[in-house]
Amino acid sequence: MMRFLCIALAAMALSACGEKPQTATGIKSDTTAFSGTGMAYQAPGWKAGDKASWEQQLKTRTQNGQNDYAKVN
């Protein structure tokens, strides 16, 4: 019984050694949000690289999608 317990504890202790490191690959976090992603899918009326256009798009999205008082039942 004691031998089984020792083997089980050793297996649990060594199982943590097999975890791969979690790194963010391919993500560019040093660019501004309004500079765009380079993807073809974007909201109509928004121009990549235009900060004022980005802020206006966020305001519009907030009012249309997240404002419960503006929704019609």
PDB file of N, CA and C in Angstrom:
ATOM      1  N   MET A   1       0.830  -1.192   0.000  1.00  0.00           N
ATOM      2  CA  MET A   1       0.000   0.000   0.000  1.00  0.00           C
ATOM      3  C   MET A   1       0.868   1.246   0.000  1.00  0.00           C
ATOM      4  N   MET A   2       1.918   1.228   0.829  1.00  0.00           N
ATOM      5  CA  MET A   2       2.803   2.378   0.913  1.00  0.00           C
ATOM      6  C   MET A   2       3.560   2.580  -0.399  1.00  0.00           C
ATOM      7  N   ARG A   3       3.914   1.472  -1.046  1.00  0.00           N
ATOM      8  CA  ARG A   3       4.639   1.556  -2.314  1.00  0.00           C
ATOM      9  C   ARG A   3       3.756   2.204  -3.384  1.00  0.00           C
ATOM     10  N   PHE A   4       2.494   1.803  -3.437  1.00  0.00           N
ATOM     11  CA  PHE A   4       1.548   2.379  -4.390  1.00  0.00           C
ATOM     12  C   PHE A   4       1.389   3.879  -4.159  1.00  0.00           C
ATOM     13  N   LEU A   5       1.324   4.294  -2.904  1.00  0.00           N
ATOM     14  CA  LEU A   5       1.187   5.705  -2.570  1.00  0.00           C
ATOM     15  C   LEU A   5       2.414   6.500  -3.009  1.00  0.00           C
ATOM     16  N   CYS A   6       3.591   5.935  -2.809  1.00  0.00           N
ATOM     17  CA  CYS A   6       4.828   6.608  -3.223  1.00  0.00           C
ATOM     18  C   CYS A   6       4.901   6.745  -4.740  1.00  0.00           C
ATOM     19  N   ILE A   7       4.495   5.701  -5.454  1.00  0.00           N
ATOM     20  CA  ILE A   7       4.501   5.752  -6.926  1.00  0.00           C
ATOM     21  C   ILE A   7       3.490   6.779  -7.417  1.00  0.00           C
ATOM     22  N   ALA A   8       2.317   6.827  -6.803  1.00  0.00           N
ATOM     23  CA  ALA A   8       1.291   7.792  -7.202  1.00  0.00           C
ATOM     24  C   ALA A   8       1.760   9.220  -6.945  1.00  0.00           C
ATOM     25  N   LEU A   9       2.400   9.476  -5.818  1.00  0.00           N
ATOM     26  CA  LEU A   9       2.915  10.816  -5.521  1.00  0.00           C
ATOM     27  C   LEU A   9       4.030  11.209  -6.480  1.00  0.00           C
ATOM     28  N   ALA A  10       4.901  10.268  -6.814  1.00  0.00           N
ATOM     29  CA  ALA A  10       5.978  10.545  -7.767  1.00  0.00           C
ATOM     30  C   ALA A  10       5.417  10.855  -9.153  1.00  0.00           C
ATOM     31  N   ALA A  11       4.403  10.125  -9.556  1.00  0.00           N
ATOM     32  CA  ALA A  11       3.779  10.368 -10.861  1.00  0.00           C
ATOM     33  C   ALA A  11       3.119  11.744 -10.903  1.00  0.00           C
ATOM     34  N   MET A  12       2.468  12.131  -9.826  1.00  0.00           N
ATOM     35  CA  MET A  12       1.828  13.454  -9.781  1.00  0.00           C
ATOM     36  C   MET A  12       2.868  14.562  -9.777  1.00  0.00           C
ATOM     37  N   ALA A  13       3.974  14.345  -9.078  1.00  0.00           N
ATOM     38  CA  ALA A  13       5.022  15.362  -9.019  1.00  0.00           C
ATOM     39  C   ALA A  13       5.695  15.540 -10.375  1.00  0.00           C
ATOM     40  N   LEU A  14       5.903  14.445 -11.103  1.00  0.00           N
ATOM     41  CA  LEU A  14       6.558  14.520 -12.406  1.00  0.00           C
ATOM     42  C   LEU A  14       5.622  14.980 -13.520  1.00  0.00           C
ATOM     43  N   SER A  15       4.319  14.898 -13.308  1.00  0.00           N
ATOM     44  CA  SER A  15       3.383  15.306 -14.353  1.00  0.00           C
ATOM     45  C   SER A  15       3.441  16.808 -14.602  1.00  0.00           C
ATOM     46  N   ALA A  16       3.835  17.587 -13.629  1.00  0.00           N
ATOM     47  CA  ALA A  16       3.942  19.030 -13.813  1.00  0.00           C
ATOM     48  C   ALA A  16       5.142  19.396 -14.675  1.00  0.00           C
ATOM     49  N   CYS A  17       6.115  18.526 -14.787  1.00  0.00           N
ATOM     50  CA  CYS A  17       7.307  18.811 -15.584  1.00  0.00           C
ATOM     51  C   CYS A  17       7.031  18.737 -17.077  1.00  0.00           C
ATOM     52  N   GLY A  18       5.966  18.100 -17.489  1.00  0.00           N
ATOM     53  CA  GLY A  18       5.682  17.912 -18.899  1.00  0.00           C
ATOM     54  C   GLY A  18       4.887  19.032 -19.531  1.00  0.00           C
ATOM     55  N   GLU A  19       4.526  20.041 -18.804  1.00  0.00           N
ATOM     56  CA  GLU A  19       3.718  21.117 -19.361  1.00  0.00           C
ATOM     57  C   GLU A  19       4.567  22.016 -20.257  1.00  0.00           C
ATOM     58  N   LYS A  20       4.046  22.334 -21.414  1.00  0.00           N
ATOM     59  CA  LYS A  20       4.761  23.180 -22.365  1.00  0.00           C
ATOM     60  C   LYS A  20       4.588  24.648 -21.962  1.00  0.00           C
ATOM     61  N   PRO A  21       5.581  25.479 -22.217  1.00  0.00           N
ATOM     62  CA  PRO A  21       5.434  26.902 -21.900  1.00  0.00           C
ATOM     63  C   PRO A  21       4.387  27.546 -22.809  1.00  0.00           C
ATOM     64  N   GLN A  22       3.602  28.443 -22.243  1.00  0.00           N
ATOM     65  CA  GLN A  22       2.548  29.114 -22.986  1.00  0.00           C
ATOM     66  C   GLN A  22       3.036  30.503 -23.382  1.00  0.00           C
ATOM     67  N   THR A  23       3.373  30.647 -24.642  1.00  0.00           N
ATOM     68  CA  THR A  23       3.865  31.926 -25.144  1.00  0.00           C
ATOM     69  C   THR A  23       2.952  32.420 -26.249  1.00  0.00           C
ATOM     70  N   ALA A  24       2.863  33.696 -26.377  1.00  0.00           N
ATOM     71  CA  ALA A  24       2.053  34.300 -27.422  1.00  0.00           C
ATOM     72  C   ALA A  24       2.907  34.416 -28.676  1.00  0.00           C
ATOM     73  N   THR A  25       2.588  33.618 -29.671  1.00  0.00           N
ATOM     74  CA  THR A  25       3.339  33.668 -30.921  1.00  0.00           C
ATOM     75  C   THR A  25       2.476  34.263 -32.010  1.00  0.00           C
ATOM     76  N   GLY A  26       3.054  35.131 -32.777  1.00  0.00           N
ATOM     77  CA  GLY A  26       2.338  35.726 -33.898  1.00  0.00           C
ATOM     78  C   GLY A  26       1.449  36.895 -33.528  1.00  0.00           C
ATOM     79  N   ILE A  27       1.464  37.343 -32.289  1.00  0.00           N
ATOM     80  CA  ILE A  27       0.623  38.457 -31.869  1.00  0.00           C
ATOM     81  C   ILE A  27       1.495  39.698 -31.755  1.00  0.00           C
ATOM     82  N   LYS A  28       1.103  40.752 -32.458  1.00  0.00           N
ATOM     83  CA  LYS A  28       1.841  42.003 -32.383  1.00  0.00           C
ATOM     84  C   LYS A  28       1.141  42.922 -31.393  1.00  0.00           C
ATOM     85  N   SER A  29       1.651  43.011 -30.192  1.00  0.00           N
ATOM     86  CA  SER A  29       1.012  43.837 -29.181  1.00  0.00           C
ATOM     87  C   SER A  29       1.611  45.241 -29.126  1.00  0.00           C
ATOM     88  N   ASP A  30       2.609  45.514 -29.966  1.00  0.00           N
ATOM     89  CA  ASP A  30       3.245  46.816 -29.919  1.00  0.00           C
ATOM     90  C   ASP A  30       2.614  47.813 -30.889  1.00  0.00           C
ATOM     91  N   THR A  31       1.560  47.432 -31.576  1.00  0.00           N
ATOM     92  CA  THR A  31       0.884  48.344 -32.481  1.00  0.00           C
ATOM     93  C   THR A  31      -0.375  48.895 -31.826  1.00  0.00           C
ATOM     94  N   THR A  32      -0.808  50.044 -32.267  1.00  0.00           N
ATOM     95  CA  THR A  32      -2.024  50.641 -31.726  1.00  0.00           C
ATOM     96  C   THR A  32      -3.248  49.909 -32.260  1.00  0.00           C
ATOM     97  N   ALA A  33      -4.317  49.977 -31.524  1.00  0.00           N
ATOM     98  CA  ALA A  33      -5.535  49.253 -31.902  1.00  0.00           C
ATOM     99  C   ALA A  33      -6.147  49.808 -33.184  1.00  0.00           C
ATOM    100  N   PHE A  34      -6.028  51.102 -33.409  1.00  0.00           N
ATOM    101  CA  PHE A  34      -6.677  51.700 -34.575  1.00  0.00           C
ATOM    102  C   PHE A  34      -5.859  51.551 -35.849  1.00  0.00           C
ATOM    103  N   SER A  35      -4.667  50.945 -35.763  1.00  0.00           N
ATOM    104  CA  SER A  35      -3.854  50.792 -36.968  1.00  0.00           C
ATOM    105  C   SER A  35      -4.340  49.658 -37.859  1.00  0.00           C
ATOM    106  N   GLY A  36      -5.204  48.802 -37.352  1.00  0.00           N
ATOM    107  CA  GLY A  36      -5.804  47.759 -38.178  1.00  0.00           C
ATOM    108  C   GLY A  36      -5.065  46.445 -38.082  1.00  0.00           C
ATOM    109  N   THR A  37      -5.686  45.418 -38.646  1.00  0.00           N
ATOM    110  CA  THR A  37      -5.124  44.079 -38.596  1.00  0.00           C
ATOM    111  C   THR A  37      -4.616  43.610 -39.944  1.00  0.00           C
ATOM    112  N   GLY A  38      -4.988  44.287 -41.003  1.00  0.00           N
ATOM    113  CA  GLY A  38      -4.616  43.845 -42.338  1.00  0.00           C
ATOM    114  C   GLY A  38      -5.585  42.825 -42.908  1.00  0.00           C
ATOM    115  N   MET A  39      -6.628  42.495 -42.173  1.00  0.00           N
ATOM    116  CA  MET A  39      -7.622  41.528 -42.640  1.00  0.00           C
ATOM    117  C   MET A  39      -8.673  42.255 -43.481  1.00  0.00           C
ATOM    118  N   ALA A  40      -9.330  41.497 -44.333  1.00  0.00           N
ATOM    119  CA  ALA A  40     -10.338  42.085 -45.215  1.00  0.00           C
ATOM    120  C   ALA A  40     -11.648  42.384 -44.490  1.00  0.00           C
ATOM    121  N   TYR A  41     -11.856  41.784 -43.322  1.00  0.00           N
ATOM    122  CA  TYR A  41     -13.113  41.950 -42.603  1.00  0.00           C
ATOM    123  C   TYR A  41     -12.988  43.108 -41.625  1.00  0.00           C
ATOM    124  N   GLN A  42     -13.694  44.172 -41.896  1.00  0.00           N
ATOM    125  CA  GLN A  42     -13.710  45.305 -40.990  1.00  0.00           C
ATOM    126  C   GLN A  42     -15.068  45.998 -41.094  1.00  0.00           C
ATOM    127  N   ALA A  43     -15.367  46.792 -40.100  1.00  0.00           N
ATOM    128  CA  ALA A  43     -16.661  47.464 -40.070  1.00  0.00           C
ATOM    129  C   ALA A  43     -16.725  48.528 -41.159  1.00  0.00           C
ATOM    130  N   PRO A  44     -17.876  48.674 -41.795  1.00  0.00           N
ATOM    131  CA  PRO A  44     -18.006  49.709 -42.822  1.00  0.00           C
ATOM    132  C   PRO A  44     -17.896  51.101 -42.202  1.00  0.00           C
ATOM    133  N   GLY A  45     -17.186  51.979 -42.859  1.00  0.00           N
ATOM    134  CA  GLY A  45     -17.015  53.339 -42.372  1.00  0.00           C
ATOM    135  C   GLY A  45     -15.757  53.542 -41.559  1.00  0.00           C
ATOM    136  N   TRP A  46     -15.040  52.465 -41.259  1.00  0.00           N
ATOM    137  CA  TRP A  46     -13.811  52.581 -40.486  1.00  0.00           C
ATOM    138  C   TRP A  46     -12.621  52.494 -41.414  1.00  0.00           C
ATOM    139  N   LYS A  47     -11.692  53.422 -41.238  1.00  0.00           N
ATOM    140  CA  LYS A  47     -10.478  53.436 -42.046  1.00  0.00           C
ATOM    141  C   LYS A  47      -9.305  53.053 -41.157  1.00  0.00           C
ATOM    142  N   ALA A  48      -8.522  52.085 -41.596  1.00  0.00           N
ATOM    143  CA  ALA A  48      -7.379  51.626 -40.815  1.00  0.00           C
ATOM    144  C   ALA A  48      -6.362  52.753 -40.668  1.00  0.00           C
ATOM    145  N   GLY A  49      -5.914  52.998 -39.448  1.00  0.00           N
ATOM    146  CA  GLY A  49      -4.917  54.024 -39.175  1.00  0.00           C
ATOM    147  C   GLY A  49      -5.504  55.365 -38.767  1.00  0.00           C
ATOM    148  N   ASP A  50      -6.818  55.537 -38.842  1.00  0.00           N
ATOM    149  CA  ASP A  50      -7.467  56.796 -38.493  1.00  0.00           C
ATOM    150  C   ASP A  50      -8.035  56.681 -37.081  1.00  0.00           C
ATOM    151  N   LYS A  51      -7.419  57.375 -36.130  1.00  0.00           N
ATOM    152  CA  LYS A  51      -7.825  57.258 -34.728  1.00  0.00           C
ATOM    153  C   LYS A  51      -9.230  57.814 -34.487  1.00  0.00           C
ATOM    154  N   ALA A  52      -9.568  58.921 -35.128  1.00  0.00           N
ATOM    155  CA  ALA A  52     -10.900  59.508 -34.941  1.00  0.00           C
ATOM    156  C   ALA A  52     -11.985  58.568 -35.470  1.00  0.00           C
ATOM    157  N   SER A  53     -11.719  57.936 -36.602  1.00  0.00           N
ATOM    158  CA  SER A  53     -12.661  56.983 -37.168  1.00  0.00           C
ATOM    159  C   SER A  53     -12.822  55.769 -36.248  1.00  0.00           C
ATOM    160  N   TRP A  54     -11.727  55.335 -35.644  1.00  0.00           N
ATOM    161  CA  TRP A  54     -11.756  54.209 -34.702  1.00  0.00           C
ATOM    162  C   TRP A  54     -12.615  54.540 -33.488  1.00  0.00           C
ATOM    163  N   GLU A  55     -12.411  55.721 -32.912  1.00  0.00           N
ATOM    164  CA  GLU A  55     -13.180  56.121 -31.737  1.00  0.00           C
ATOM    165  C   GLU A  55     -14.658  56.269 -32.061  1.00  0.00           C
ATOM    166  N   GLN A  56     -14.979  56.802 -33.229  1.00  0.00           N
ATOM    167  CA  GLN A  56     -16.372  56.942 -33.635  1.00  0.00           C
ATOM    168  C   GLN A  56     -17.027  55.574 -33.812  1.00  0.00           C
ATOM    169  N   GLN A  57     -16.287  54.625 -34.372  1.00  0.00           N
ATOM    170  CA  GLN A  57     -16.806  53.273 -34.565  1.00  0.00           C
ATOM    171  C   GLN A  57     -17.076  52.594 -33.223  1.00  0.00           C
ATOM    172  N   LEU A  58     -16.212  52.815 -32.223  1.00  0.00           N
ATOM    173  CA  LEU A  58     -16.430  52.252 -30.890  1.00  0.00           C
ATOM    174  C   LEU A  58     -17.655  52.866 -30.221  1.00  0.00           C
ATOM    175  N   LYS A  59     -17.835  54.181 -30.371  1.00  0.00           N
ATOM    176  CA  LYS A  59     -19.015  54.837 -29.803  1.00  0.00           C
ATOM    177  C   LYS A  59     -20.292  54.302 -30.431  1.00  0.00           C
ATOM    178  N   THR A  60     -20.282  54.147 -31.749  1.00  0.00           N
ATOM    179  CA  THR A  60     -21.453  53.633 -32.453  1.00  0.00           C
ATOM    180  C   THR A  60     -21.761  52.206 -32.036  1.00  0.00           C
ATOM    181  N   ARG A  61     -20.732  51.377 -31.924  1.00  0.00           N
ATOM    182  CA  ARG A  61     -20.924  49.984 -31.521  1.00  0.00           C
ATOM    183  C   ARG A  61     -21.473  49.900 -30.104  1.00  0.00           C
ATOM    184  N   THR A  62     -20.995  50.771 -29.231  1.00  0.00           N
ATOM    185  CA  THR A  62     -21.477  50.773 -27.854  1.00  0.00           C
ATOM    186  C   THR A  62     -22.937  51.179 -27.789  1.00  0.00           C
ATOM    187  N   GLN A  63     -23.306  52.202 -28.517  1.00  0.00           N
ATOM    188  CA  GLN A  63     -24.689  52.668 -28.496  1.00  0.00           C
ATOM    189  C   GLN A  63     -25.649  51.662 -29.117  1.00  0.00           C
ATOM    190  N   ASN A  64     -25.253  51.029 -30.204  1.00  0.00           N
ATOM    191  CA  ASN A  64     -26.163  50.116 -30.903  1.00  0.00           C
ATOM    192  C   ASN A  64     -26.232  48.736 -30.275  1.00  0.00           C
ATOM    193  N   GLY A  65     -25.133  48.269 -29.714  1.00  0.00           N
ATOM    194  CA  GLY A  65     -25.111  46.887 -29.258  1.00  0.00           C
ATOM    195  C   GLY A  65     -25.146  46.691 -27.763  1.00  0.00           C
ATOM    196  N   GLN A  66     -24.730  47.689 -26.987  1.00  0.00           N
ATOM    197  CA  GLN A  66     -24.586  47.474 -25.560  1.00  0.00           C
ATOM    198  C   GLN A  66     -25.474  48.379 -24.712  1.00  0.00           C
ATOM    199  N   ASN A  67     -26.200  49.274 -25.306  1.00  0.00           N
ATOM    200  CA  ASN A  67     -27.058  50.183 -24.565  1.00  0.00           C
ATOM    201  C   ASN A  67     -28.472  49.618 -24.513  1.00  0.00           C
ATOM    202  N   ASP A  68     -28.852  49.077 -23.367  1.00  0.00           N
ATOM    203  CA  ASP A  68     -30.172  48.453 -23.235  1.00  0.00           C
ATOM    204  C   ASP A  68     -31.305  49.479 -23.303  1.00  0.00           C
ATOM    205  N   TYR A  69     -31.039  50.724 -22.971  1.00  0.00           N
ATOM    206  CA  TYR A  69     -32.081  51.735 -23.022  1.00  0.00           C
ATOM    207  C   TYR A  69     -32.437  52.126 -24.445  1.00  0.00           C
ATOM    208  N   ALA A  70     -31.494  51.975 -25.369  1.00  0.00           N
ATOM    209  CA  ALA A  70     -31.746  52.352 -26.760  1.00  0.00           C
ATOM    210  C   ALA A  70     -32.413  51.237 -27.545  1.00  0.00           C
ATOM    211  N   LYS A  71     -32.449  50.022 -27.017  1.00  0.00           N
ATOM    212  CA  LYS A  71     -33.050  48.893 -27.740  1.00  0.00           C
ATOM    213  C   LYS A  71     -34.565  48.962 -27.670  1.00  0.00           C
ATOM    214  N   VAL A  72     -35.198  48.548 -28.744  1.00  0.00           N
ATOM    215  CA  VAL A  72     -36.651  48.521 -28.803  1.00  0.00           C
ATOM    216  C   VAL A  72     -37.101  47.089 -28.539  1.00  0.00           C
ATOM    217  N   ASN A  73     -38.053  46.930 -27.638  1.00  0.00           N
ATOM    218  CA  ASN A  73     -38.529  45.569 -27.300  1.00  0.00           C
ATOM    219  C   ASN A  73     -39.535  45.103 -28.265  1.00  0.00           C
TER     220      ASN A  73
END
